[in-house]
Amino acid sequence: MDSEAFLPGYGALKLYRGRYLPFAAYLGAVMDGWLGALVAKV
């Protein structure tokens, strides 16, 4: 994963206070599509 994909999600994480599950789902989606997002969310 390059910084062009990581930094927007990390910036959104800083706006969203609380748990890191949305960021995990974002990383999963970037790496492996919707199935990666689902697996990361669970």
PDB file of N, CA and C in Angstrom:
ATOM      1  N   MET A   1       0.845  -1.159   0.000  1.00  0.00           N
ATOM      2  CA  MET A   1       0.000   0.000   0.000  1.00  0.00           C
ATOM      3  C   MET A   1       0.895   1.227   0.000  1.00  0.00           C
ATOM      4  N   ASP A   2       0.584   2.155  -0.859  1.00  0.00           N
ATOM      5  CA  ASP A   2       1.388   3.379  -0.924  1.00  0.00           C
ATOM      6  C   ASP A   2       0.743   4.484  -0.094  1.00  0.00           C
ATOM      7  N   SER A   3       1.474   5.559   0.065  1.00  0.00           N
ATOM      8  CA  SER A   3       0.982   6.650   0.909  1.00  0.00           C
ATOM      9  C   SER A   3      -0.205   7.367   0.288  1.00  0.00           C
ATOM     10  N   GLU A   4      -0.363   7.304  -1.030  1.00  0.00           N
ATOM     11  CA  GLU A   4      -1.511   7.942  -1.670  1.00  0.00           C
ATOM     12  C   GLU A   4      -2.817   7.256  -1.307  1.00  0.00           C
ATOM     13  N   ALA A   5      -2.777   5.998  -0.950  1.00  0.00           N
ATOM     14  CA  ALA A   5      -3.975   5.290  -0.522  1.00  0.00           C
ATOM     15  C   ALA A   5      -4.138   5.337   0.996  1.00  0.00           C
ATOM     16  N   PHE A   6      -3.041   5.372   1.727  1.00  0.00           N
ATOM     17  CA  PHE A   6      -3.094   5.322   3.191  1.00  0.00           C
ATOM     18  C   PHE A   6      -3.488   6.653   3.803  1.00  0.00           C
ATOM     19  N   LEU A   7      -2.908   7.740   3.328  1.00  0.00           N
ATOM     20  CA  LEU A   7      -3.095   9.037   3.972  1.00  0.00           C
ATOM     21  C   LEU A   7      -4.534   9.555   3.964  1.00  0.00           C
ATOM     22  N   PRO A   8      -5.311   9.404   2.885  1.00  0.00           N
ATOM     23  CA  PRO A   8      -6.710   9.855   2.978  1.00  0.00           C
ATOM     24  C   PRO A   8      -7.511   9.112   4.044  1.00  0.00           C
ATOM     25  N   GLY A   9      -7.288   7.821   4.157  1.00  0.00           N
ATOM     26  CA  GLY A   9      -7.984   7.061   5.190  1.00  0.00           C
ATOM     27  C   GLY A   9      -7.538   7.455   6.584  1.00  0.00           C
ATOM     28  N   TYR A  10      -6.256   7.698   6.748  1.00  0.00           N
ATOM     29  CA  TYR A  10      -5.741   8.112   8.049  1.00  0.00           C
ATOM     30  C   TYR A  10      -6.271   9.500   8.414  1.00  0.00           C
ATOM     31  N   GLY A  11      -6.374  10.367   7.426  1.00  0.00           N
ATOM     32  CA  GLY A  11      -6.943  11.693   7.689  1.00  0.00           C
ATOM     33  C   GLY A  11      -8.398  11.611   8.103  1.00  0.00           C
ATOM     34  N   ALA A  12      -9.151  10.724   7.451  1.00  0.00           N
ATOM     35  CA  ALA A  12     -10.547  10.539   7.841  1.00  0.00           C
ATOM     36  C   ALA A  12     -10.647   9.939   9.234  1.00  0.00           C
ATOM     37  N   LEU A  13      -9.706   9.087   9.588  1.00  0.00           N
ATOM     38  CA  LEU A  13      -9.683   8.504  10.928  1.00  0.00           C
ATOM     39  C   LEU A  13      -9.511   9.583  11.988  1.00  0.00           C
ATOM     40  N   LYS A  14      -8.692  10.566  11.708  1.00  0.00           N
ATOM     41  CA  LYS A  14      -8.473  11.646  12.668  1.00  0.00           C
ATOM     42  C   LYS A  14      -9.733  12.498  12.844  1.00  0.00           C
ATOM     43  N   LEU A  15     -10.564  12.584  11.817  1.00  0.00           N
ATOM     44  CA  LEU A  15     -11.820  13.325  11.931  1.00  0.00           C
ATOM     45  C   LEU A  15     -12.867  12.531  12.705  1.00  0.00           C
ATOM     46  N   TYR A  16     -12.786  11.208  12.586  1.00  0.00           N
ATOM     47  CA  TYR A  16     -13.759  10.317  13.217  1.00  0.00           C
ATOM     48  C   TYR A  16     -13.189   9.818  14.536  1.00  0.00           C
ATOM     49  N   ARG A  17     -13.679  10.345  15.610  1.00  0.00           N
ATOM     50  CA  ARG A  17     -13.185   9.924  16.920  1.00  0.00           C
ATOM     51  C   ARG A  17     -13.910   8.657  17.338  1.00  0.00           C
ATOM     52  N   GLY A  18     -13.158   7.765  17.911  1.00  0.00           N
ATOM     53  CA  GLY A  18     -13.772   6.522  18.381  1.00  0.00           C
ATOM     54  C   GLY A  18     -12.966   5.331  17.939  1.00  0.00           C
ATOM     55  N   ARG A  19     -13.664   4.269  17.578  1.00  0.00           N
ATOM     56  CA  ARG A  19     -13.002   3.023  17.235  1.00  0.00           C
ATOM     57  C   ARG A  19     -12.347   3.097  15.865  1.00  0.00           C
ATOM     58  N   TYR A  20     -11.458   2.156  15.608  1.00  0.00           N
ATOM     59  CA  TYR A  20     -10.692   2.131  14.372  1.00  0.00           C
ATOM     60  C   TYR A  20     -11.291   1.196  13.325  1.00  0.00           C
ATOM     61  N   LEU A  21     -12.479   0.667  13.553  1.00  0.00           N
ATOM     62  CA  LEU A  21     -13.068  -0.274  12.606  1.00  0.00           C
ATOM     63  C   LEU A  21     -13.335   0.327  11.228  1.00  0.00           C
ATOM     64  N   PRO A  22     -13.807   1.564  11.119  1.00  0.00           N
ATOM     65  CA  PRO A  22     -13.976   2.123   9.768  1.00  0.00           C
ATOM     66  C   PRO A  22     -12.646   2.231   9.010  1.00  0.00           C
ATOM     67  N   PHE A  23     -11.578   2.556   9.712  1.00  0.00           N
ATOM     68  CA  PHE A  23     -10.263   2.644   9.067  1.00  0.00           C
ATOM     69  C   PHE A  23      -9.795   1.261   8.644  1.00  0.00           C
ATOM     70  N   ALA A  24     -10.053   0.262   9.461  1.00  0.00           N
ATOM     71  CA  ALA A  24      -9.695  -1.112   9.101  1.00  0.00           C
ATOM     72  C   ALA A  24     -10.466  -1.548   7.863  1.00  0.00           C
ATOM     73  N   ALA A  25     -11.729  -1.193   7.786  1.00  0.00           N
ATOM     74  CA  ALA A  25     -12.523  -1.538   6.612  1.00  0.00           C
ATOM     75  C   ALA A  25     -12.012  -0.806   5.373  1.00  0.00           C
ATOM     76  N   TYR A  26     -11.616   0.439   5.540  1.00  0.00           N
ATOM     77  CA  TYR A  26     -11.050   1.195   4.419  1.00  0.00           C
ATOM     78  C   TYR A  26      -9.771   0.532   3.920  1.00  0.00           C
ATOM     79  N   LEU A  27      -8.894   0.163   4.841  1.00  0.00           N
ATOM     80  CA  LEU A  27      -7.646  -0.495   4.442  1.00  0.00           C
ATOM     81  C   LEU A  27      -7.926  -1.822   3.760  1.00  0.00           C
ATOM     82  N   GLY A  28      -8.878  -2.571   4.273  1.00  0.00           N
ATOM     83  CA  GLY A  28      -9.243  -3.828   3.644  1.00  0.00           C
ATOM     84  C   GLY A  28      -9.789  -3.625   2.250  1.00  0.00           C
ATOM     85  N   ALA A  29     -10.597  -2.579   2.057  1.00  0.00           N
ATOM     86  CA  ALA A  29     -11.152  -2.288   0.735  1.00  0.00           C
ATOM     87  C   ALA A  29     -10.070  -1.866  -0.240  1.00  0.00           C
ATOM     88  N   VAL A  30      -9.126  -1.080   0.220  1.00  0.00           N
ATOM     89  CA  VAL A  30      -8.039  -0.644  -0.661  1.00  0.00           C
ATOM     90  C   VAL A  30      -7.182  -1.829  -1.080  1.00  0.00           C
ATOM     91  N   MET A  31      -6.962  -2.739  -0.151  1.00  0.00           N
ATOM     92  CA  MET A  31      -6.061  -3.855  -0.436  1.00  0.00           C
ATOM     93  C   MET A  31      -6.732  -4.980  -1.214  1.00  0.00           C
ATOM     94  N   ASP A  32      -8.047  -5.235  -0.952  1.00  0.00           N
ATOM     95  CA  ASP A  32      -8.659  -6.416  -1.562  1.00  0.00           C
ATOM     96  C   ASP A  32     -10.118  -6.221  -1.938  1.00  0.00           C
ATOM     97  N   GLY A  33     -10.547  -5.005  -2.170  1.00  0.00           N
ATOM     98  CA  GLY A  33     -11.929  -4.770  -2.598  1.00  0.00           C
ATOM     99  C   GLY A  33     -12.932  -4.937  -1.466  1.00  0.00           C
ATOM    100  N   TRP A  34     -14.179  -5.159  -1.844  1.00  0.00           N
ATOM    101  CA  TRP A  34     -15.246  -5.212  -0.844  1.00  0.00           C
ATOM    102  C   TRP A  34     -15.110  -6.411   0.081  1.00  0.00           C
ATOM    103  N   LEU A  35     -14.550  -7.510  -0.426  1.00  0.00           N
ATOM    104  CA  LEU A  35     -14.368  -8.674   0.420  1.00  0.00           C
ATOM    105  C   LEU A  35     -13.311  -8.394   1.508  1.00  0.00           C
ATOM    106  N   GLY A  36     -12.269  -7.675   1.157  1.00  0.00           N
ATOM    107  CA  GLY A  36     -11.271  -7.281   2.148  1.00  0.00           C
ATOM    108  C   GLY A  36     -11.858  -6.360   3.199  1.00  0.00           C
ATOM    109  N   ALA A  37     -12.747  -5.476   2.778  1.00  0.00           N
ATOM    110  CA  ALA A  37     -13.411  -4.587   3.742  1.00  0.00           C
ATOM    111  C   ALA A  37     -14.280  -5.376   4.694  1.00  0.00           C
ATOM    112  N   LEU A  38     -14.981  -6.351   4.177  1.00  0.00           N
ATOM    113  CA  LEU A  38     -15.837  -7.183   5.027  1.00  0.00           C
ATOM    114  C   LEU A  38     -15.017  -7.980   6.039  1.00  0.00           C
ATOM    115  N   VAL A  39     -13.940  -8.578   5.573  1.00  0.00           N
ATOM    116  CA  VAL A  39     -13.093  -9.352   6.466  1.00  0.00           C
ATOM    117  C   VAL A  39     -12.439  -8.449   7.525  1.00  0.00           C
ATOM    118  N   ALA A  40     -12.008  -7.272   7.137  1.00  0.00           N
ATOM    119  CA  ALA A  40     -11.376  -6.354   8.086  1.00  0.00           C
ATOM    120  C   ALA A  40     -12.390  -5.843   9.115  1.00  0.00           C
ATOM    121  N   LYS A  41     -13.613  -5.682   8.702  1.00  0.00           N
ATOM    122  CA  LYS A  41     -14.654  -5.176   9.612  1.00  0.00           C
ATOM    123  C   LYS A  41     -15.035  -6.212  10.655  1.00  0.00           C
ATOM    124  N   VAL A  42     -14.987  -7.469  10.263  1.00  0.00           N
ATOM    125  CA  VAL A  42     -15.357  -8.555  11.185  1.00  0.00           C
ATOM    126  C   VAL A  42     -14.149  -8.895  11.983  1.00  0.00           C
TER     127      VAL A  42
END
